[in-house]
N, C-alpha and C. Protein backbone atom coordinates (compact mmCIF):
# COMPACT_ATOMS: atom_id res chain seq x y z
N MET A 1 12.48 -23.31 -6.61
CA MET A 1 11.31 -22.82 -5.89
C MET A 1 10.08 -23.07 -6.78
N ASP A 2 9.11 -23.80 -6.26
CA ASP A 2 7.91 -24.09 -7.06
C ASP A 2 6.85 -23.01 -6.84
N LEU A 3 5.79 -23.09 -7.63
CA LEU A 3 4.75 -22.06 -7.61
C LEU A 3 4.10 -21.94 -6.23
N MET A 4 3.92 -23.04 -5.53
CA MET A 4 3.32 -22.99 -4.20
C MET A 4 4.22 -22.21 -3.23
N GLN A 5 5.51 -22.47 -3.26
CA GLN A 5 6.45 -21.75 -2.39
C GLN A 5 6.48 -20.26 -2.74
N ILE A 6 6.45 -19.96 -4.02
CA ILE A 6 6.45 -18.57 -4.47
C ILE A 6 5.18 -17.87 -3.98
N THR A 7 4.05 -18.55 -4.09
CA THR A 7 2.78 -17.97 -3.66
C THR A 7 2.76 -17.74 -2.15
N ILE A 8 3.27 -18.70 -1.39
CA ILE A 8 3.32 -18.54 0.07
C ILE A 8 4.23 -17.37 0.44
N GLU A 9 5.40 -17.31 -0.19
CA GLU A 9 6.32 -16.19 0.08
C GLU A 9 5.66 -14.86 -0.29
N PHE A 10 4.97 -14.85 -1.42
CA PHE A 10 4.27 -13.63 -1.85
C PHE A 10 3.26 -13.18 -0.79
N LEU A 11 2.46 -14.11 -0.30
CA LEU A 11 1.45 -13.75 0.70
C LEU A 11 2.08 -13.30 2.01
N MET A 12 3.15 -13.97 2.43
CA MET A 12 3.80 -13.59 3.69
C MET A 12 4.40 -12.18 3.61
N ILE A 13 4.98 -11.85 2.48
CA ILE A 13 5.63 -10.54 2.34
C ILE A 13 4.64 -9.46 1.94
N TYR A 14 3.74 -9.76 1.00
CA TYR A 14 2.94 -8.70 0.39
C TYR A 14 1.49 -8.58 0.86
N PHE A 15 0.96 -9.58 1.55
CA PHE A 15 -0.41 -9.40 2.03
C PHE A 15 -0.51 -8.27 3.06
N PRO A 16 0.43 -8.17 4.02
CA PRO A 16 0.35 -7.03 4.95
C PRO A 16 0.37 -5.66 4.27
N PRO A 17 1.27 -5.40 3.30
CA PRO A 17 1.19 -4.09 2.65
C PRO A 17 -0.05 -3.90 1.78
N MET A 18 -0.63 -5.00 1.28
CA MET A 18 -1.90 -4.87 0.57
C MET A 18 -2.98 -4.36 1.52
N VAL A 19 -2.99 -4.91 2.72
CA VAL A 19 -3.95 -4.47 3.74
C VAL A 19 -3.65 -3.02 4.12
N ALA A 20 -2.37 -2.70 4.30
CA ALA A 20 -1.98 -1.32 4.64
C ALA A 20 -2.45 -0.35 3.57
N ASN A 21 -2.32 -0.72 2.32
CA ASN A 21 -2.70 0.15 1.22
C ASN A 21 -4.21 0.37 1.15
N GLY A 22 -4.99 -0.64 1.48
CA GLY A 22 -6.45 -0.52 1.41
C GLY A 22 -7.11 0.05 2.65
N SER A 23 -6.42 0.00 3.77
CA SER A 23 -7.02 0.43 5.04
C SER A 23 -7.40 1.90 5.13
N PRO A 24 -6.63 2.83 4.56
CA PRO A 24 -7.02 4.24 4.70
C PRO A 24 -8.42 4.56 4.18
N VAL A 25 -8.90 3.82 3.20
CA VAL A 25 -10.26 4.03 2.69
C VAL A 25 -11.27 3.79 3.81
N PHE A 26 -11.07 2.73 4.57
CA PHE A 26 -11.97 2.42 5.68
C PHE A 26 -11.82 3.43 6.81
N ILE A 27 -10.59 3.78 7.11
CA ILE A 27 -10.31 4.71 8.21
C ILE A 27 -10.99 6.05 7.95
N SER A 28 -10.94 6.51 6.70
CA SER A 28 -11.54 7.81 6.37
C SER A 28 -13.06 7.80 6.54
N LYS A 29 -13.66 6.61 6.50
CA LYS A 29 -15.11 6.50 6.71
C LYS A 29 -15.46 6.45 8.20
N LEU A 30 -14.48 6.11 9.03
CA LEU A 30 -14.74 5.92 10.46
C LEU A 30 -14.42 7.14 11.31
N ILE A 31 -13.38 7.86 10.94
CA ILE A 31 -12.94 8.99 11.77
C ILE A 31 -12.59 10.20 10.91
N LYS A 32 -12.58 11.36 11.54
CA LYS A 32 -12.16 12.58 10.85
C LYS A 32 -10.66 12.49 10.61
N THR A 33 -10.26 12.82 9.40
CA THR A 33 -8.84 12.73 9.05
C THR A 33 -8.25 14.11 8.80
N HIS A 34 -6.94 14.18 8.90
CA HIS A 34 -6.20 15.43 8.72
C HIS A 34 -5.13 15.22 7.65
N PRO A 35 -5.14 16.04 6.60
CA PRO A 35 -4.22 15.83 5.48
C PRO A 35 -2.75 15.99 5.88
N ILE A 36 -1.93 15.11 5.36
CA ILE A 36 -0.49 15.14 5.62
C ILE A 36 0.12 16.45 5.14
N ASP A 37 -0.41 17.00 4.06
CA ASP A 37 0.16 18.25 3.53
C ASP A 37 -0.42 19.50 4.19
N PHE A 38 -1.24 19.31 5.24
CA PHE A 38 -1.86 20.42 5.98
C PHE A 38 -2.65 21.37 5.08
N GLY A 39 -3.10 20.87 3.92
CA GLY A 39 -3.87 21.69 2.99
C GLY A 39 -3.04 22.69 2.21
N LYS A 40 -1.73 22.52 2.23
CA LYS A 40 -0.82 23.47 1.57
C LYS A 40 -0.60 23.12 0.11
N ASN A 41 -0.22 24.14 -0.65
CA ASN A 41 0.09 23.97 -2.06
C ASN A 41 1.60 23.95 -2.28
N TRP A 42 2.02 23.31 -3.36
CA TRP A 42 3.41 23.27 -3.80
C TRP A 42 3.70 24.55 -4.57
N THR A 43 4.91 24.72 -5.03
CA THR A 43 5.28 25.93 -5.77
C THR A 43 4.52 26.08 -7.09
N ASP A 44 3.94 25.00 -7.58
CA ASP A 44 3.16 25.06 -8.82
C ASP A 44 1.71 25.49 -8.58
N GLY A 45 1.37 25.77 -7.32
CA GLY A 45 0.02 26.20 -6.98
C GLY A 45 -0.95 25.07 -6.72
N ARG A 46 -0.53 23.83 -6.95
CA ARG A 46 -1.39 22.68 -6.70
C ARG A 46 -1.12 22.11 -5.31
N ARG A 47 -2.11 21.42 -4.78
CA ARG A 47 -1.92 20.77 -3.48
C ARG A 47 -0.69 19.86 -3.52
N ILE A 48 0.00 19.78 -2.40
CA ILE A 48 1.19 18.92 -2.33
C ILE A 48 0.78 17.47 -2.51
N LEU A 49 -0.22 17.03 -1.75
CA LEU A 49 -0.73 15.66 -1.85
C LEU A 49 -2.23 15.60 -2.05
N GLY A 50 -2.96 16.41 -1.31
CA GLY A 50 -4.41 16.39 -1.37
C GLY A 50 -5.00 15.79 -0.11
N ASP A 51 -6.31 15.93 0.03
CA ASP A 51 -7.01 15.46 1.23
C ASP A 51 -7.00 13.93 1.36
N GLY A 52 -6.74 13.23 0.28
CA GLY A 52 -6.77 11.77 0.32
C GLY A 52 -5.61 11.13 1.05
N LYS A 53 -4.61 11.89 1.40
CA LYS A 53 -3.46 11.36 2.15
C LYS A 53 -3.47 12.00 3.53
N SER A 54 -3.86 11.21 4.52
CA SER A 54 -4.01 11.74 5.87
C SER A 54 -3.08 11.04 6.86
N PHE A 55 -2.82 11.74 7.95
CA PHE A 55 -2.02 11.15 9.03
C PHE A 55 -2.69 9.89 9.56
N GLU A 56 -3.99 9.98 9.77
CA GLU A 56 -4.74 8.85 10.32
C GLU A 56 -4.74 7.66 9.36
N GLY A 57 -4.91 7.94 8.07
CA GLY A 57 -4.89 6.87 7.08
C GLY A 57 -3.53 6.20 6.99
N ALA A 58 -2.48 7.01 6.99
CA ALA A 58 -1.12 6.46 6.90
C ALA A 58 -0.79 5.60 8.12
N LEU A 59 -1.01 6.15 9.29
CA LEU A 59 -0.71 5.40 10.51
C LEU A 59 -1.62 4.18 10.65
N GLY A 60 -2.90 4.36 10.37
CA GLY A 60 -3.84 3.25 10.45
C GLY A 60 -3.50 2.15 9.47
N GLY A 61 -3.06 2.52 8.28
CA GLY A 61 -2.65 1.53 7.29
C GLY A 61 -1.45 0.72 7.75
N ILE A 62 -0.46 1.41 8.30
CA ILE A 62 0.73 0.71 8.79
C ILE A 62 0.36 -0.23 9.94
N VAL A 63 -0.47 0.24 10.85
CA VAL A 63 -0.89 -0.59 11.98
C VAL A 63 -1.70 -1.80 11.48
N ALA A 64 -2.61 -1.59 10.55
CA ALA A 64 -3.42 -2.70 10.02
C ALA A 64 -2.53 -3.72 9.33
N GLY A 65 -1.57 -3.25 8.54
CA GLY A 65 -0.63 -4.16 7.89
C GLY A 65 0.18 -4.95 8.89
N GLU A 66 0.61 -4.28 9.95
CA GLU A 66 1.39 -4.96 10.99
C GLU A 66 0.56 -6.00 11.73
N ILE A 67 -0.69 -5.70 12.00
CA ILE A 67 -1.56 -6.69 12.66
C ILE A 67 -1.67 -7.95 11.80
N VAL A 68 -1.86 -7.78 10.51
CA VAL A 68 -1.95 -8.92 9.60
C VAL A 68 -0.62 -9.68 9.58
N ALA A 69 0.50 -8.95 9.56
CA ALA A 69 1.81 -9.60 9.56
C ALA A 69 2.03 -10.43 10.82
N VAL A 70 1.61 -9.91 11.96
CA VAL A 70 1.76 -10.65 13.22
C VAL A 70 0.91 -11.92 13.19
N ILE A 71 -0.30 -11.82 12.67
CA ILE A 71 -1.17 -13.00 12.57
C ILE A 71 -0.53 -14.05 11.66
N ILE A 72 -0.06 -13.63 10.49
CA ILE A 72 0.59 -14.56 9.56
C ILE A 72 1.86 -15.13 10.19
N GLY A 73 2.64 -14.27 10.83
CA GLY A 73 3.87 -14.71 11.47
C GLY A 73 3.62 -15.73 12.56
N TYR A 74 2.59 -15.51 13.34
CA TYR A 74 2.23 -16.46 14.40
C TYR A 74 1.83 -17.80 13.78
N ALA A 75 0.99 -17.75 12.76
CA ALA A 75 0.53 -18.97 12.10
C ALA A 75 1.67 -19.73 11.43
N ALA A 76 2.65 -18.99 10.89
CA ALA A 76 3.77 -19.61 10.18
C ALA A 76 4.94 -19.96 11.10
N GLY A 77 4.85 -19.59 12.37
CA GLY A 77 5.96 -19.82 13.29
C GLY A 77 7.16 -18.93 13.00
N MET A 78 6.89 -17.76 12.42
CA MET A 78 7.95 -16.81 12.05
C MET A 78 7.59 -15.41 12.56
N ILE A 79 7.13 -15.34 13.79
CA ILE A 79 6.58 -14.09 14.32
C ILE A 79 7.57 -12.93 14.25
N GLU A 80 8.81 -13.15 14.67
CA GLU A 80 9.77 -12.05 14.69
C GLU A 80 10.09 -11.56 13.28
N GLN A 81 10.41 -12.49 12.40
CA GLN A 81 10.79 -12.10 11.04
C GLN A 81 9.62 -11.46 10.28
N LEU A 82 8.44 -12.04 10.38
CA LEU A 82 7.31 -11.49 9.63
C LEU A 82 6.75 -10.23 10.25
N SER A 83 6.85 -10.08 11.57
CA SER A 83 6.37 -8.82 12.16
C SER A 83 7.28 -7.67 11.75
N LEU A 84 8.58 -7.92 11.67
CA LEU A 84 9.51 -6.89 11.19
C LEU A 84 9.25 -6.59 9.71
N THR A 85 9.17 -7.64 8.92
CA THR A 85 8.91 -7.46 7.49
C THR A 85 7.58 -6.74 7.27
N GLY A 86 6.57 -7.09 8.06
CA GLY A 86 5.25 -6.49 7.90
C GLY A 86 5.24 -5.00 8.13
N VAL A 87 5.89 -4.55 9.19
CA VAL A 87 5.89 -3.11 9.47
C VAL A 87 6.72 -2.36 8.43
N ILE A 88 7.83 -2.95 8.00
CA ILE A 88 8.67 -2.30 6.99
C ILE A 88 7.93 -2.24 5.65
N ALA A 89 7.34 -3.36 5.24
CA ALA A 89 6.62 -3.40 3.96
C ALA A 89 5.39 -2.50 3.99
N SER A 90 4.70 -2.46 5.12
CA SER A 90 3.51 -1.60 5.23
C SER A 90 3.90 -0.13 5.17
N PHE A 91 4.98 0.23 5.86
CA PHE A 91 5.48 1.61 5.77
C PHE A 91 5.85 1.93 4.32
N GLY A 92 6.56 1.02 3.67
CA GLY A 92 6.94 1.23 2.27
C GLY A 92 5.75 1.37 1.35
N ALA A 93 4.70 0.59 1.61
CA ALA A 93 3.48 0.67 0.80
C ALA A 93 2.85 2.05 0.91
N ILE A 94 2.72 2.54 2.14
CA ILE A 94 2.13 3.86 2.35
C ILE A 94 3.02 4.94 1.75
N ALA A 95 4.33 4.81 1.93
CA ALA A 95 5.26 5.79 1.36
C ALA A 95 5.18 5.79 -0.16
N GLY A 96 5.10 4.61 -0.77
CA GLY A 96 4.98 4.53 -2.22
C GLY A 96 3.72 5.22 -2.73
N ASP A 97 2.62 5.04 -2.02
CA ASP A 97 1.36 5.68 -2.39
C ASP A 97 1.45 7.20 -2.25
N ILE A 98 2.08 7.66 -1.18
CA ILE A 98 2.23 9.11 -0.97
C ILE A 98 3.12 9.72 -2.04
N ILE A 99 4.23 9.06 -2.35
CA ILE A 99 5.14 9.57 -3.39
C ILE A 99 4.43 9.65 -4.73
N LYS A 100 3.66 8.61 -5.06
CA LYS A 100 2.91 8.63 -6.32
C LYS A 100 1.91 9.79 -6.35
N SER A 101 1.24 10.03 -5.23
CA SER A 101 0.29 11.14 -5.16
C SER A 101 0.97 12.48 -5.39
N PHE A 102 2.15 12.64 -4.83
CA PHE A 102 2.91 13.87 -5.04
C PHE A 102 3.14 14.09 -6.54
N PHE A 103 3.59 13.06 -7.23
CA PHE A 103 3.86 13.21 -8.66
C PHE A 103 2.58 13.36 -9.48
N LYS A 104 1.50 12.72 -9.07
CA LYS A 104 0.23 12.92 -9.76
C LYS A 104 -0.20 14.38 -9.68
N ARG A 105 -0.07 14.98 -8.50
CA ARG A 105 -0.43 16.40 -8.36
C ARG A 105 0.45 17.27 -9.25
N ARG A 106 1.74 16.93 -9.34
CA ARG A 106 2.64 17.73 -10.18
C ARG A 106 2.24 17.62 -11.65
N LEU A 107 1.70 16.48 -12.04
CA LEU A 107 1.24 16.29 -13.42
C LEU A 107 -0.15 16.88 -13.66
N GLY A 108 -0.74 17.46 -12.62
CA GLY A 108 -2.07 18.05 -12.75
C GLY A 108 -3.19 17.04 -12.64
N ILE A 109 -2.90 15.84 -12.16
CA ILE A 109 -3.92 14.81 -11.99
C ILE A 109 -4.50 14.95 -10.59
N GLU A 110 -5.75 15.32 -10.52
CA GLU A 110 -6.40 15.59 -9.24
C GLU A 110 -6.73 14.31 -8.49
N ARG A 111 -7.01 14.47 -7.21
CA ARG A 111 -7.40 13.36 -6.36
C ARG A 111 -8.60 12.64 -6.97
N GLY A 112 -8.53 11.32 -6.96
CA GLY A 112 -9.62 10.52 -7.50
C GLY A 112 -9.50 10.23 -8.98
N ARG A 113 -8.57 10.90 -9.65
CA ARG A 113 -8.35 10.64 -11.08
C ARG A 113 -7.31 9.53 -11.22
N SER A 114 -7.43 8.77 -12.26
CA SER A 114 -6.58 7.59 -12.44
C SER A 114 -5.26 7.91 -13.15
N LEU A 115 -4.22 7.24 -12.73
CA LEU A 115 -2.94 7.21 -13.44
C LEU A 115 -2.58 5.73 -13.58
N PRO A 116 -3.03 5.14 -14.70
CA PRO A 116 -2.85 3.69 -14.88
C PRO A 116 -1.41 3.23 -14.65
N ILE A 117 -1.28 2.06 -14.18
CA ILE A 117 -0.06 1.37 -13.80
C ILE A 117 0.51 1.93 -12.50
N ALA A 118 0.73 3.23 -12.42
CA ALA A 118 1.25 3.83 -11.19
C ALA A 118 0.26 3.61 -10.05
N ASP A 119 -1.03 3.75 -10.30
CA ASP A 119 -2.04 3.55 -9.26
C ASP A 119 -2.09 2.10 -8.79
N GLN A 120 -1.73 1.17 -9.64
CA GLN A 120 -1.78 -0.23 -9.27
C GLN A 120 -0.49 -0.71 -8.60
N LEU A 121 0.64 -0.12 -8.94
CA LEU A 121 1.92 -0.66 -8.47
C LEU A 121 2.64 0.21 -7.45
N ASP A 122 2.13 1.39 -7.12
CA ASP A 122 2.84 2.30 -6.21
C ASP A 122 3.14 1.65 -4.86
N PHE A 123 2.13 1.08 -4.24
CA PHE A 123 2.34 0.47 -2.92
C PHE A 123 3.24 -0.76 -3.01
N TYR A 124 3.10 -1.51 -4.09
CA TYR A 124 3.88 -2.74 -4.28
C TYR A 124 5.36 -2.42 -4.43
N LEU A 125 5.66 -1.43 -5.25
CA LEU A 125 7.06 -1.04 -5.43
C LEU A 125 7.61 -0.40 -4.16
N GLY A 126 6.81 0.41 -3.48
CA GLY A 126 7.25 1.00 -2.22
C GLY A 126 7.55 -0.06 -1.18
N ALA A 127 6.69 -1.06 -1.06
CA ALA A 127 6.91 -2.15 -0.11
C ALA A 127 8.17 -2.93 -0.47
N THR A 128 8.36 -3.19 -1.75
CA THR A 128 9.53 -3.95 -2.20
C THR A 128 10.82 -3.21 -1.89
N VAL A 129 10.86 -1.93 -2.23
CA VAL A 129 12.06 -1.13 -1.96
C VAL A 129 12.35 -1.11 -0.46
N ALA A 130 11.32 -0.93 0.34
CA ALA A 130 11.51 -0.87 1.79
C ALA A 130 12.10 -2.17 2.35
N VAL A 131 11.56 -3.31 1.94
CA VAL A 131 12.09 -4.57 2.48
C VAL A 131 13.48 -4.89 1.93
N LEU A 132 13.77 -4.46 0.71
CA LEU A 132 15.11 -4.69 0.16
C LEU A 132 16.15 -3.82 0.85
N ILE A 133 15.76 -2.62 1.25
CA ILE A 133 16.69 -1.72 1.93
C ILE A 133 17.02 -2.24 3.33
N CYS A 134 16.04 -2.82 3.99
CA CYS A 134 16.23 -3.29 5.36
C CYS A 134 16.83 -4.69 5.34
N GLY A 135 18.03 -4.83 5.84
CA GLY A 135 18.74 -6.10 5.79
C GLY A 135 18.16 -7.20 6.66
N LYS A 136 17.38 -6.86 7.66
CA LYS A 136 16.88 -7.88 8.59
C LYS A 136 15.49 -8.39 8.24
N SER A 137 14.87 -7.82 7.24
CA SER A 137 13.52 -8.27 6.88
C SER A 137 13.60 -9.40 5.86
N LEU A 138 12.47 -10.07 5.67
CA LEU A 138 12.36 -11.13 4.68
C LEU A 138 12.34 -10.49 3.29
N HIS A 139 13.19 -10.95 2.40
CA HIS A 139 13.27 -10.38 1.05
C HIS A 139 12.56 -11.28 0.05
N PRO A 140 11.86 -10.68 -0.91
CA PRO A 140 11.20 -11.50 -1.93
C PRO A 140 12.21 -12.04 -2.93
N SER A 141 11.98 -13.25 -3.40
CA SER A 141 12.79 -13.78 -4.50
C SER A 141 12.38 -13.06 -5.78
N PHE A 142 13.17 -13.21 -6.81
CA PHE A 142 12.84 -12.61 -8.10
C PHE A 142 11.49 -13.12 -8.59
N TYR A 143 11.24 -14.41 -8.42
CA TYR A 143 9.99 -15.00 -8.90
C TYR A 143 8.79 -14.52 -8.09
N THR A 144 9.00 -14.30 -6.81
CA THR A 144 7.93 -13.76 -5.98
C THR A 144 7.59 -12.35 -6.43
N PHE A 145 8.62 -11.54 -6.67
CA PHE A 145 8.41 -10.18 -7.16
C PHE A 145 7.68 -10.20 -8.51
N LEU A 146 8.11 -11.09 -9.40
CA LEU A 146 7.49 -11.20 -10.71
C LEU A 146 6.02 -11.62 -10.60
N LEU A 147 5.72 -12.56 -9.71
CA LEU A 147 4.33 -12.96 -9.49
C LEU A 147 3.49 -11.74 -9.10
N GLY A 148 4.03 -10.92 -8.21
CA GLY A 148 3.31 -9.71 -7.80
C GLY A 148 3.06 -8.76 -8.95
N LEU A 149 4.08 -8.58 -9.80
CA LEU A 149 3.89 -7.70 -10.96
C LEU A 149 2.77 -8.19 -11.86
N LEU A 150 2.59 -9.49 -11.89
CA LEU A 150 1.55 -10.06 -12.75
C LEU A 150 0.15 -9.99 -12.13
N ILE A 151 0.05 -10.21 -10.81
CA ILE A 151 -1.30 -10.29 -10.22
C ILE A 151 -1.76 -9.03 -9.49
N ILE A 152 -0.83 -8.22 -9.01
CA ILE A 152 -1.23 -7.02 -8.25
C ILE A 152 -2.12 -6.09 -9.07
N PRO A 153 -1.78 -5.77 -10.33
CA PRO A 153 -2.68 -4.86 -11.07
C PRO A 153 -4.12 -5.36 -11.15
N ALA A 154 -4.30 -6.63 -11.48
CA ALA A 154 -5.67 -7.18 -11.58
C ALA A 154 -6.35 -7.20 -10.21
N LEU A 155 -5.62 -7.58 -9.19
CA LEU A 155 -6.17 -7.61 -7.84
C LEU A 155 -6.54 -6.21 -7.36
N HIS A 156 -5.70 -5.25 -7.68
CA HIS A 156 -5.95 -3.86 -7.29
C HIS A 156 -7.21 -3.33 -7.97
N ILE A 157 -7.35 -3.60 -9.24
CA ILE A 157 -8.53 -3.15 -9.99
C ILE A 157 -9.80 -3.80 -9.41
N ALA A 158 -9.73 -5.10 -9.14
CA ALA A 158 -10.90 -5.81 -8.61
C ALA A 158 -11.30 -5.30 -7.23
N THR A 159 -10.33 -5.08 -6.34
CA THR A 159 -10.68 -4.61 -4.99
C THR A 159 -11.20 -3.17 -5.02
N ASN A 160 -10.67 -2.35 -5.91
CA ASN A 160 -11.18 -0.98 -6.02
C ASN A 160 -12.60 -0.95 -6.56
N LYS A 161 -12.90 -1.81 -7.51
CA LYS A 161 -14.27 -1.88 -8.03
C LYS A 161 -15.23 -2.35 -6.94
N LEU A 162 -14.78 -3.31 -6.13
CA LEU A 162 -15.60 -3.78 -5.02
C LEU A 162 -15.83 -2.66 -4.00
N ALA A 163 -14.78 -1.94 -3.66
CA ALA A 163 -14.90 -0.82 -2.71
C ALA A 163 -15.86 0.24 -3.25
N TYR A 164 -15.82 0.48 -4.54
CA TYR A 164 -16.72 1.44 -5.18
C TYR A 164 -18.17 0.96 -5.07
N LYS A 165 -18.40 -0.32 -5.37
CA LYS A 165 -19.76 -0.87 -5.30
C LYS A 165 -20.30 -0.88 -3.88
N LEU A 166 -19.40 -1.01 -2.90
CA LEU A 166 -19.81 -0.99 -1.50
C LEU A 166 -19.97 0.43 -0.96
N GLY A 167 -19.67 1.42 -1.80
CA GLY A 167 -19.81 2.81 -1.38
C GLY A 167 -18.65 3.34 -0.56
N LEU A 168 -17.54 2.62 -0.55
CA LEU A 168 -16.37 3.06 0.21
C LEU A 168 -15.49 4.03 -0.58
N LYS A 169 -15.60 3.97 -1.90
CA LYS A 169 -14.83 4.87 -2.76
C LYS A 169 -15.78 5.60 -3.70
N ASN A 170 -15.38 6.80 -4.08
CA ASN A 170 -16.20 7.60 -5.00
C ASN A 170 -15.97 7.24 -6.46
N VAL A 171 -14.85 6.59 -6.75
CA VAL A 171 -14.51 6.20 -8.11
C VAL A 171 -14.07 4.73 -8.10
N PRO A 172 -14.25 4.02 -9.21
CA PRO A 172 -13.91 2.59 -9.21
C PRO A 172 -12.44 2.27 -9.49
N TRP A 173 -11.53 3.23 -9.28
CA TRP A 173 -10.11 2.93 -9.48
C TRP A 173 -9.28 3.32 -8.31
């Protein structure tokens, strides 16, 4: 598998969950959102997830990721396989982000505060686990996964800084 094939596979599998991961920021600017944790605290007295994880953001992210997957699937002539992979990977991306937020709250890291590496790879690892668990979705090769580990952190940092400069985020991470 050459670098071009790896890059194409990476984009087909991981671009939809990248969109899913970034979409909640836009959704929260467009509509009123409701926190997944209903504003409740965990046994440690801290919020379970925080206001940054909403039903609307989660669902909107999955839908946005799926729309991108359908477009890519149509263009690649792989509509069925990529639409399935897209929804699974997008769900996994959102789940990975939510799980990371739960653990950040347990560590006393408040919403908007950075947890390096985890903040960059949560959605990527969640998407990967989700597609690997589902036998009918497109699975990344080892090299495709490795490419993601190398470029996702830098891409994540760059897009967050851009969102901050555009006024979409309160912090640049």
